[in-house]
Amino acid sequence: MGYSCAMNNVASPQKFAPYFAAIKYLESLGNISGSYQKTNLKSHPHPEMFLERMQDFLNRLGNPERNLKYIHVTGTAGKGSVAALVHAALVRAGKKAGLFTSPFTVSTIEKIQVGDRYIDPQVFADLTEMMKPHIDRAIESDRHGAPSYFELMLAIALLYFKKETCEHVVLEVGLGGRYDATNVITSPLVTAITNIGLDHTNILGPRRQDIARDKSGIIKKDSVFFTTEEDPKILRIFKVACLKTGAEYRFLPVNGLDYEARNRLLAGSICRHLGLVENVSKFSAEVFLPARFEIITRKPLIVIDGAHNPSKIASTIRNLSLLKYGKLFLVCAISADKDWKTMLKQIVPLADRVYVTRFSLPGRQAVGPGQLFHETQKHTRKSSIVCLFSDPIQAFNCAKRELNPSDLLVVTGSFYLAGDIRSLFCPEECILAQRNSTIALNKLI
């Protein structure tokens, strides 16, 4: 990649005023009453409207989604990593390739990438300005109302990929699959599901089978479908979806592989199908995604990890077992719609000190620090200490002050918390200036 987040390279914040204005406008559209601004709402009587709304809006924009070769990836855990690996392989092979991922940590531009750089913030602002009349007409028509924030992000990404004359696009599903905005694409080359776990149960359904059926909605005619899921009951759902659509079914036996190895296996299999010959395992360590067990400093070890469901926490715990350290410090905040009690039960017993807090993002509900505090106390060792902070930055700074050089501090439980803390090391202005968010280790603290 060749970039590092260096504050002396940051341009004046005024330079990014159009970008920040664009973000404010897009985020504010959610306050329009009577407009369904979140996709996959179980309570909606006709969830297909979300795809209709997305397609209507793309029609207004001249259909930037057409004539691109898509790789479409979903799953409960690992979908972002698989998407990033496939994209990196395409770029290394000399292909002009776009990547759309979700979520971001510090800056929205992290979601949209061509080659090894995020979208230019000025281009982002220009595309937003260009879309405003089309948003107005969508509201005026009253068919389905204003597109959601996520739908508009996808529209900007597709416009940008078309502008940059991309040949391939790797799309990470935002949530679920069947009614996700990314599912407007009709003829992907490849569809893939990493695995199925219990996440977003309030939206996708309470059982793994419910979630699998929703995610299998991305499987399309003439695509080749890959999965590293193991459960025979879930695999039957995928097989039926492939039979119904005429997709080719390819199950990849994982044979006890850990999550990272499964992601490499899945990405490598997709790449071989696409005719890319380079071994994914040889360059996987170079592929960068913020807040995926990301080591920020080495002495002491500080890790920012956006694990936000039990399966991802299980992967975090495995990664911890590969490190050598003295005491383990945790800074933790979790979204209220997650299986937070299970997550705490998994990781808290490993910690010497736990700093429970919340994240600062407005509009997203965190589990109350008081609730986290009392639940955490149920799972700590007798010698462990639990502290409560309503301010996530205070929680992190307090934990950092207590560290010895041999200790390990892990910030985990939420991508929103990861963004709060990561911004201390790599502020948004830095990311916007460099269009990259790699941090030079041990340079900033």
Protein backbone atom coordinates (compact mmCIF):
# COMPACT_ATOMS: atom_id res chain seq x y z
CA MET A 1 0.00 0.00 0.00
CA GLY A 2 2.75 2.45 0.86
CA TYR A 3 0.72 4.89 2.95
CA SER A 4 0.72 5.77 6.62
CA CYS A 5 -1.44 8.13 8.59
CA ALA A 6 0.86 11.10 9.21
CA MET A 7 -0.68 14.22 10.69
CA ASN A 8 1.81 16.57 9.02
CA ASN A 9 0.34 15.55 5.66
CA VAL A 10 -3.21 16.56 6.55
CA ALA A 11 -4.69 19.36 4.46
CA SER A 12 -6.77 22.17 5.91
CA PRO A 13 -10.19 20.92 7.06
CA GLN A 14 -11.74 23.63 4.88
CA LYS A 15 -10.61 21.66 1.84
CA PHE A 16 -13.05 18.91 2.80
CA ALA A 17 -16.01 21.19 3.54
CA PRO A 18 -17.94 20.00 0.43
CA TYR A 19 -17.45 16.38 1.52
CA PHE A 20 -18.64 17.02 5.08
CA ALA A 21 -21.63 18.95 3.71
CA ALA A 22 -22.49 16.00 1.46
CA ILE A 23 -22.32 13.57 4.40
CA LYS A 24 -24.51 15.84 6.53
CA TYR A 25 -27.09 16.04 3.76
CA LEU A 26 -27.15 12.27 3.13
CA GLU A 27 -27.42 11.42 6.81
CA SER A 28 -30.18 13.97 7.36
CA LEU A 29 -32.51 12.34 4.84
CA GLY A 30 -33.43 9.80 7.49
CA ASN A 31 -35.59 12.37 9.26
CA ILE A 32 -38.24 12.37 6.51
CA SER A 33 -41.36 11.03 8.20
CA GLY A 34 -43.18 8.07 6.69
CA SER A 35 -40.12 6.92 4.73
CA TYR A 36 -38.67 3.50 5.41
CA GLN A 37 -35.01 4.36 5.78
CA LYS A 38 -33.78 0.93 6.84
CA THR A 39 -33.92 -2.11 4.61
CA ASN A 40 -34.97 -5.61 5.65
CA LEU A 41 -37.58 -4.41 8.14
CA LYS A 42 -39.50 -7.54 9.17
CA SER A 43 -42.50 -5.38 9.93
CA HIS A 44 -42.78 -4.17 6.34
CA PRO A 45 -45.61 -6.00 4.53
CA HIS A 46 -43.80 -5.84 1.17
CA PRO A 47 -40.02 -5.98 1.70
CA GLU A 48 -39.48 -6.27 -2.05
CA MET A 49 -40.09 -2.50 -2.10
CA PHE A 50 -36.51 -1.98 -0.95
CA LEU A 51 -35.13 -3.54 -4.14
CA GLU A 52 -37.74 -1.73 -6.23
CA ARG A 53 -36.74 1.58 -4.66
CA MET A 54 -33.06 0.92 -5.30
CA GLN A 55 -33.71 -0.07 -8.91
CA ASP A 56 -35.98 2.93 -9.49
CA PHE A 57 -33.24 5.23 -8.29
CA LEU A 58 -30.55 3.58 -10.40
CA ASN A 59 -32.85 3.94 -13.42
CA ARG A 60 -32.99 7.68 -12.71
CA LEU A 61 -29.18 7.77 -12.63
CA GLY A 62 -28.83 6.02 -16.00
CA ASN A 63 -28.20 2.54 -14.62
CA PRO A 64 -24.55 2.74 -13.55
CA GLU A 65 -24.86 -0.84 -12.27
CA ARG A 66 -24.91 -2.29 -15.78
CA ASN A 67 -22.00 -3.86 -17.69
CA LEU A 68 -19.87 -4.62 -14.63
CA LYS A 69 -18.62 -8.05 -13.57
CA TYR A 70 -19.78 -8.66 -10.00
CA ILE A 71 -18.56 -10.81 -7.15
CA HIS A 72 -21.28 -10.69 -4.47
CA VAL A 73 -20.38 -11.74 -0.90
CA THR A 74 -22.45 -12.17 2.24
CA GLY A 75 -22.28 -14.14 5.50
CA THR A 76 -22.42 -13.57 9.23
CA ALA A 77 -18.66 -13.23 9.67
CA GLY A 78 -15.73 -12.76 7.32
CA LYS A 79 -17.56 -11.30 4.34
CA GLY A 80 -15.55 -8.06 4.46
CA SER A 81 -12.25 -9.94 4.62
CA VAL A 82 -13.21 -12.24 1.73
CA ALA A 83 -14.35 -9.27 -0.37
CA ALA A 84 -11.11 -7.40 0.33
CA LEU A 85 -8.96 -10.44 -0.54
CA VAL A 86 -10.74 -11.01 -3.85
CA HIS A 87 -10.50 -7.32 -4.70
CA ALA A 88 -6.78 -7.28 -3.89
CA ALA A 89 -6.20 -10.30 -6.12
CA LEU A 90 -8.01 -8.60 -9.00
CA VAL A 91 -5.91 -5.44 -8.56
CA ARG A 92 -2.67 -7.45 -8.36
CA ALA A 93 -3.67 -9.14 -11.61
CA GLY A 94 -3.88 -5.75 -13.31
CA LYS A 95 -7.68 -5.52 -13.34
CA LYS A 96 -9.51 -2.24 -12.78
CA ALA A 97 -11.61 -3.29 -9.81
CA GLY A 98 -13.96 -1.56 -7.38
CA LEU A 99 -14.74 -2.59 -3.82
CA PHE A 100 -17.85 -1.70 -1.82
CA THR A 101 -17.78 -2.71 1.84
CA SER A 102 -19.74 -2.13 5.02
CA PRO A 103 -19.33 -0.87 7.70
CA PHE A 104 -16.65 1.82 7.98
CA THR A 105 -14.72 2.80 11.10
CA VAL A 106 -13.81 6.51 10.89
CA SER A 107 -14.68 7.88 7.45
CA THR A 108 -17.48 7.04 5.03
CA ILE A 109 -15.03 6.95 2.12
CA GLU A 110 -13.65 3.68 3.53
CA LYS A 111 -16.72 2.01 2.00
CA ILE A 112 -15.78 2.80 -1.61
CA GLN A 113 -12.44 1.89 -3.16
CA VAL A 114 -10.87 1.50 -6.60
CA GLY A 115 -7.43 -0.06 -6.72
CA ASP A 116 -5.70 0.70 -3.44
CA ARG A 117 -7.32 4.09 -2.74
CA TYR A 118 -10.65 5.22 -1.37
CA ILE A 119 -12.95 7.47 -3.37
CA ASP A 120 -11.75 11.07 -3.64
CA PRO A 121 -13.78 13.13 -1.12
CA GLN A 122 -14.35 15.89 -3.69
CA VAL A 123 -15.67 13.35 -6.19
CA PHE A 124 -17.92 11.99 -3.43
CA ALA A 125 -19.28 15.51 -2.88
CA ASP A 126 -19.73 16.09 -6.63
CA LEU A 127 -21.64 12.82 -7.08
CA THR A 128 -23.88 13.67 -4.13
CA GLU A 129 -24.63 17.07 -5.65
CA MET A 130 -25.43 15.43 -8.98
CA MET A 131 -27.86 13.03 -7.26
CA LYS A 132 -29.86 15.67 -5.37
CA PRO A 133 -32.38 16.43 -8.17
CA HIS A 134 -32.94 12.68 -8.60
CA ILE A 135 -33.52 12.30 -4.86
CA ASP A 136 -36.03 15.14 -5.04
CA ARG A 137 -37.86 13.46 -7.93
CA ALA A 138 -37.90 10.14 -6.03
CA ILE A 139 -39.53 11.87 -3.06
CA GLU A 140 -41.94 13.71 -5.35
CA SER A 141 -43.07 10.51 -7.10
CA ASP A 142 -44.04 9.05 -3.70
CA ARG A 143 -43.72 5.49 -5.03
CA HIS A 144 -41.32 4.43 -2.29
CA GLY A 145 -39.95 7.72 -1.01
CA ALA A 146 -36.35 8.81 -0.56
CA PRO A 147 -33.68 6.14 -0.91
CA SER A 148 -32.05 5.11 2.37
CA TYR A 149 -28.58 6.24 3.40
CA PHE A 150 -27.16 2.81 2.51
CA GLU A 151 -28.89 2.82 -0.86
CA LEU A 152 -27.41 6.24 -1.63
CA MET A 153 -23.95 5.03 -0.61
CA LEU A 154 -24.30 2.14 -3.03
CA ALA A 155 -25.49 4.50 -5.77
CA ILE A 156 -22.44 6.72 -5.25
CA ALA A 157 -20.19 3.67 -5.35
CA LEU A 158 -21.70 2.43 -8.62
CA LEU A 159 -21.46 5.87 -10.21
CA TYR A 160 -17.82 6.04 -9.13
CA PHE A 161 -17.00 2.57 -10.42
CA LYS A 162 -18.53 3.49 -13.77
CA LYS A 163 -16.64 6.79 -13.82
CA GLU A 164 -13.39 4.96 -13.12
CA THR A 165 -14.16 2.42 -15.88
CA CYS A 166 -13.95 -0.56 -13.55
CA GLU A 167 -14.21 -4.00 -15.09
CA HIS A 168 -14.89 -5.95 -11.89
CA VAL A 169 -16.74 -4.94 -8.73
CA VAL A 170 -16.67 -6.81 -5.43
CA LEU A 171 -19.84 -6.09 -3.43
CA GLU A 172 -20.16 -6.86 0.25
CA VAL A 173 -23.79 -7.18 1.32
CA GLY A 174 -24.86 -4.65 3.91
CA LEU A 175 -27.36 -6.81 5.81
CA GLY A 176 -28.87 -10.20 4.99
CA GLY A 177 -29.05 -10.69 1.26
CA ARG A 178 -32.45 -11.08 -0.36
CA TYR A 179 -33.68 -7.51 0.20
CA ASP A 180 -30.34 -5.81 0.64
CA ALA A 181 -29.76 -2.92 -1.77
CA THR A 182 -26.75 -4.68 -3.32
CA ASN A 183 -29.10 -7.43 -4.53
CA VAL A 184 -30.31 -5.28 -7.42
CA ILE A 185 -27.52 -6.79 -9.51
CA THR A 186 -28.98 -9.51 -11.71
CA SER A 187 -26.05 -11.42 -13.22
CA PRO A 188 -23.08 -11.77 -10.86
CA LEU A 189 -20.19 -13.95 -11.92
CA VAL A 190 -19.84 -15.30 -8.40
CA THR A 191 -22.00 -15.35 -5.28
CA ALA A 192 -20.57 -16.44 -1.93
CA ILE A 193 -21.74 -16.98 1.64
CA THR A 194 -19.03 -17.30 4.25
CA ASN A 195 -21.09 -18.79 7.09
CA ILE A 196 -24.34 -18.45 8.98
CA GLY A 197 -24.54 -17.32 12.60
CA LEU A 198 -27.08 -15.65 14.83
CA ASP A 199 -26.81 -11.95 14.07
CA HIS A 200 -29.47 -9.35 13.19
CA THR A 201 -32.07 -11.85 14.42
CA ASN A 202 -34.52 -9.00 15.03
CA ILE A 203 -34.47 -8.33 11.29
CA LEU A 204 -33.63 -11.63 9.56
CA GLY A 205 -35.35 -14.08 11.90
CA PRO A 206 -34.57 -15.96 15.11
CA ARG A 207 -33.11 -19.16 13.62
CA ARG A 208 -30.00 -19.86 11.57
CA GLN A 209 -32.23 -21.38 8.90
CA ASP A 210 -34.17 -18.10 8.63
CA ILE A 211 -30.93 -16.18 8.23
CA ALA A 212 -29.63 -18.69 5.67
CA ARG A 213 -32.75 -18.36 3.53
CA ASP A 214 -32.46 -14.58 3.54
CA LYS A 215 -28.76 -14.63 2.65
CA SER A 216 -29.30 -17.27 -0.06
CA GLY A 217 -31.36 -14.65 -1.88
CA ILE A 218 -28.16 -13.37 -3.50
CA ILE A 219 -27.75 -16.65 -5.46
CA LYS A 220 -28.55 -15.92 -9.10
CA LYS A 221 -28.98 -17.73 -12.39
CA ASP A 222 -25.73 -18.63 -14.18
CA SER A 223 -23.58 -17.57 -11.21
CA VAL A 224 -21.17 -19.91 -9.45
CA PHE A 225 -21.93 -20.14 -5.74
CA PHE A 226 -19.25 -20.80 -3.09
CA THR A 227 -19.58 -21.36 0.65
CA THR A 228 -17.49 -22.45 3.63
CA GLU A 229 -20.54 -23.08 5.84
CA GLU A 230 -20.50 -26.59 7.37
CA ASP A 231 -23.97 -27.25 8.79
CA PRO A 232 -25.77 -29.84 6.57
CA LYS A 233 -29.17 -28.25 7.28
CA ILE A 234 -27.89 -24.87 6.12
CA LEU A 235 -26.15 -26.36 3.11
CA ARG A 236 -29.42 -27.95 1.99
CA ILE A 237 -30.96 -24.47 1.91
CA PHE A 238 -28.11 -23.28 -0.32
CA LYS A 239 -28.39 -26.32 -2.60
CA VAL A 240 -32.13 -25.77 -3.07
CA ALA A 241 -31.50 -22.10 -3.90
CA CYS A 242 -28.91 -23.12 -6.50
CA LEU A 243 -31.28 -25.68 -8.03
CA LYS A 244 -34.10 -23.14 -8.23
CA THR A 245 -31.96 -20.44 -9.84
CA GLY A 246 -29.70 -22.60 -11.99
CA ALA A 247 -26.55 -21.54 -10.16
CA GLU A 248 -23.58 -23.86 -9.83
CA TYR A 249 -23.08 -25.06 -6.23
CA ARG A 250 -19.56 -25.38 -4.83
CA PHE A 251 -19.07 -26.41 -1.22
CA LEU A 252 -15.58 -25.92 0.20
CA PRO A 253 -14.68 -28.36 3.01
CA VAL A 254 -12.98 -26.46 5.80
CA ASN A 255 -11.72 -29.45 7.81
CA GLY A 256 -11.40 -27.61 11.11
CA LEU A 257 -9.76 -24.50 9.67
CA ASP A 258 -9.91 -21.29 11.72
CA TYR A 259 -11.84 -18.25 10.49
CA GLU A 260 -8.88 -16.58 8.79
CA ALA A 261 -7.94 -19.77 6.95
CA ARG A 262 -11.56 -20.26 5.87
CA ASN A 263 -11.65 -16.73 4.51
CA ARG A 264 -8.44 -17.37 2.54
CA LEU A 265 -9.83 -20.67 1.22
CA LEU A 266 -13.05 -19.03 0.07
CA ALA A 267 -11.32 -16.02 -1.49
CA GLY A 268 -8.72 -18.24 -3.17
CA SER A 269 -11.39 -20.51 -4.65
CA ILE A 270 -13.27 -17.52 -6.04
CA CYS A 271 -10.06 -16.13 -7.50
CA ARG A 272 -9.16 -19.42 -9.20
CA HIS A 273 -12.61 -19.51 -10.74
CA LEU A 274 -12.01 -15.98 -12.06
CA GLY A 275 -8.76 -17.15 -13.63
CA LEU A 276 -6.45 -15.42 -11.16
CA VAL A 277 -3.42 -17.58 -10.57
CA GLU A 278 -1.68 -15.88 -7.63
CA ASN A 279 -2.01 -17.69 -4.30
CA VAL A 280 -4.16 -15.58 -1.95
CA SER A 281 -2.28 -16.90 1.09
CA LYS A 282 0.94 -15.32 -0.17
CA PHE A 283 -0.38 -11.77 0.04
CA SER A 284 -3.28 -12.01 2.51
CA ALA A 285 -1.20 -10.43 5.29
CA GLU A 286 -0.77 -7.33 3.10
CA VAL A 287 -4.51 -6.83 2.58
CA PHE A 288 -5.66 -4.14 4.93
CA LEU A 289 -9.06 -3.66 6.54
CA PRO A 290 -9.32 -1.26 9.48
CA ALA A 291 -10.34 -2.64 12.87
CA ARG A 292 -10.07 -6.33 12.00
CA PHE A 293 -7.84 -7.35 14.90
CA GLU A 294 -5.65 -4.42 13.91
CA ILE A 295 -2.43 -3.94 15.88
CA ILE A 296 -2.03 -0.20 16.51
CA THR A 297 1.08 -0.22 18.70
CA ARG A 298 3.48 -2.98 19.70
CA LYS A 299 5.00 -1.87 23.02
CA PRO A 300 2.61 -2.12 24.65
CA LEU A 301 0.38 -4.14 22.35
CA ILE A 302 -2.83 -2.28 21.51
CA VAL A 303 -5.38 -3.94 19.22
CA ILE A 304 -8.55 -2.44 17.76
CA ASP A 305 -11.05 -5.09 16.80
CA GLY A 306 -14.58 -4.49 15.51
CA ALA A 307 -15.88 -7.94 16.49
CA HIS A 308 -19.59 -7.44 17.17
CA ASN A 309 -21.21 -10.86 17.40
CA PRO A 310 -20.36 -14.18 19.09
CA SER A 311 -18.76 -15.79 16.03
CA LYS A 312 -16.46 -12.80 15.53
CA ILE A 313 -15.59 -12.70 19.22
CA ALA A 314 -14.63 -16.39 18.90
CA SER A 315 -12.21 -15.41 16.14
CA THR A 316 -10.85 -12.60 18.34
CA ILE A 317 -10.20 -15.09 21.14
CA ARG A 318 -8.32 -17.36 18.77
CA ASN A 319 -6.16 -14.44 17.64
CA LEU A 320 -5.44 -13.62 21.28
CA SER A 321 -4.15 -17.16 21.78
CA LEU A 322 -1.48 -16.50 19.14
CA LEU A 323 -0.03 -13.49 20.99
CA LYS A 324 2.32 -13.36 23.96
CA TYR A 325 1.44 -10.79 26.60
CA GLY A 326 1.31 -10.16 30.34
CA LYS A 327 -2.09 -8.89 31.43
CA LEU A 328 -5.11 -8.52 29.16
CA PHE A 329 -7.04 -5.23 29.29
CA LEU A 330 -10.40 -4.91 27.51
CA VAL A 331 -12.25 -1.75 26.49
CA CYS A 332 -15.73 -2.85 25.48
CA ALA A 333 -18.96 -1.38 24.10
CA ILE A 334 -21.69 -3.31 22.27
CA SER A 335 -24.76 -2.38 20.22
CA ALA A 336 -28.05 -3.06 21.97
CA ASP A 337 -29.33 -5.27 19.12
CA LYS A 338 -26.44 -7.75 19.44
CA ASP A 339 -26.15 -10.91 21.53
CA TRP A 340 -24.11 -8.95 24.03
CA LYS A 341 -24.48 -11.28 26.99
CA THR A 342 -22.99 -14.18 25.03
CA MET A 343 -20.15 -11.97 23.80
CA LEU A 344 -19.27 -10.93 27.35
CA LYS A 345 -19.47 -14.52 28.58
CA GLN A 346 -16.98 -15.52 25.87
CA ILE A 347 -14.25 -12.94 26.36
CA VAL A 348 -14.52 -11.41 29.84
CA PRO A 349 -13.08 -14.45 31.69
CA LEU A 350 -9.81 -13.94 29.80
CA ALA A 351 -9.34 -10.35 30.97
CA ASP A 352 -7.48 -8.92 33.95
CA ARG A 353 -9.21 -5.55 33.61
CA VAL A 354 -12.37 -4.60 31.76
CA TYR A 355 -13.37 -1.02 30.96
CA VAL A 356 -17.05 -1.01 29.97
CA THR A 357 -18.31 1.98 28.04
CA ARG A 358 -20.48 2.92 25.06
CA PHE A 359 -19.82 4.32 21.60
CA SER A 360 -20.49 7.94 20.70
CA LEU A 361 -22.34 7.57 17.38
CA PRO A 362 -25.75 9.32 17.56
CA GLY A 363 -28.72 7.35 16.33
CA ARG A 364 -27.24 3.94 17.20
CA GLN A 365 -28.22 2.46 20.54
CA ALA A 366 -25.49 0.99 22.71
CA VAL A 367 -26.01 -1.34 25.63
CA GLY A 368 -26.00 0.87 28.71
CA PRO A 369 -22.62 0.93 30.45
CA GLY A 370 -24.43 0.07 33.68
CA GLN A 371 -25.87 -3.08 32.12
CA LEU A 372 -22.47 -4.03 30.74
CA PHE A 373 -20.88 -3.40 34.13
CA HIS A 374 -23.22 -5.72 36.04
CA GLU A 375 -23.16 -8.46 33.39
CA THR A 376 -19.37 -8.29 33.13
CA GLN A 377 -19.02 -8.80 36.87
CA LYS A 378 -20.75 -12.18 36.50
CA HIS A 379 -17.94 -13.49 34.30
CA THR A 380 -14.72 -12.00 35.69
CA ARG A 381 -12.08 -13.86 37.63
CA LYS A 382 -11.79 -13.02 41.35
CA SER A 383 -8.63 -11.00 40.75
CA SER A 384 -10.08 -9.02 37.83
CA ILE A 385 -11.18 -5.39 37.94
CA VAL A 386 -14.18 -3.85 36.14
CA CYS A 387 -14.42 -0.11 35.53
CA LEU A 388 -17.26 1.93 34.01
CA PHE A 389 -16.89 5.03 31.82
CA SER A 390 -19.65 6.82 29.91
CA ASP A 391 -16.94 8.43 27.74
CA PRO A 392 -15.22 5.87 25.44
CA ILE A 393 -12.15 8.07 24.99
CA GLN A 394 -11.76 8.33 28.76
CA ALA A 395 -12.12 4.57 29.08
CA PHE A 396 -9.38 4.00 26.51
CA ASN A 397 -7.00 6.59 27.94
CA CYS A 398 -7.43 5.23 31.45
CA ALA A 399 -6.73 1.68 30.27
CA LYS A 400 -3.71 2.86 28.28
CA ARG A 401 -2.20 4.60 31.32
CA GLU A 402 -2.38 1.38 33.33
CA LEU A 403 -0.54 -0.72 30.74
CA ASN A 404 2.92 -2.15 31.28
CA PRO A 405 5.07 -2.66 28.17
CA SER A 406 4.33 -6.40 28.19
CA ASP A 407 0.54 -6.03 28.50
CA LEU A 408 -2.16 -6.18 25.82
CA LEU A 409 -5.09 -3.80 25.41
CA VAL A 410 -7.96 -4.86 23.13
CA VAL A 411 -10.75 -2.49 22.08
CA THR A 412 -13.66 -4.65 20.94
CA GLY A 413 -17.41 -5.28 20.81
CA SER A 414 -18.45 -2.75 18.16
CA PHE A 415 -17.28 -1.14 14.92
CA TYR A 416 -18.64 2.13 16.29
CA LEU A 417 -16.37 1.88 19.34
CA ALA A 418 -13.51 0.89 17.03
CA GLY A 419 -14.13 4.10 15.09
CA ASP A 420 -14.14 6.22 18.23
CA ILE A 421 -10.74 4.90 19.29
CA ARG A 422 -9.18 4.55 15.86
CA SER A 423 -9.85 8.22 15.15
CA LEU A 424 -7.33 9.05 17.91
CA PHE A 425 -4.62 7.44 15.81
CA CYS A 426 -5.90 8.28 12.34
CA PRO A 427 -8.36 11.22 12.26
CA GLU A 428 -10.85 11.51 9.42
CA GLU A 429 -9.01 14.48 7.85
CA CYS A 430 -5.94 12.27 7.59
CA ILE A 431 -7.91 9.53 5.83
CA LEU A 432 -9.52 12.04 3.47
CA ALA A 433 -6.15 13.56 2.57
CA GLN A 434 -4.44 10.24 1.90
CA ARG A 435 -7.48 8.25 0.73
CA ASN A 436 -6.06 5.45 2.83
CA SER A 437 -6.23 4.66 6.53
CA THR A 438 -3.13 2.60 7.23
CA ILE A 439 -1.39 3.57 10.48
CA ALA A 440 2.38 3.57 10.87
CA LEU A 441 2.95 1.39 13.96
CA ASN A 442 4.28 3.06 17.09
CA LYS A 443 4.43 6.48 15.46
CA LEU A 444 1.53 8.19 17.19
CA ILE A 445 1.80 7.20 20.85
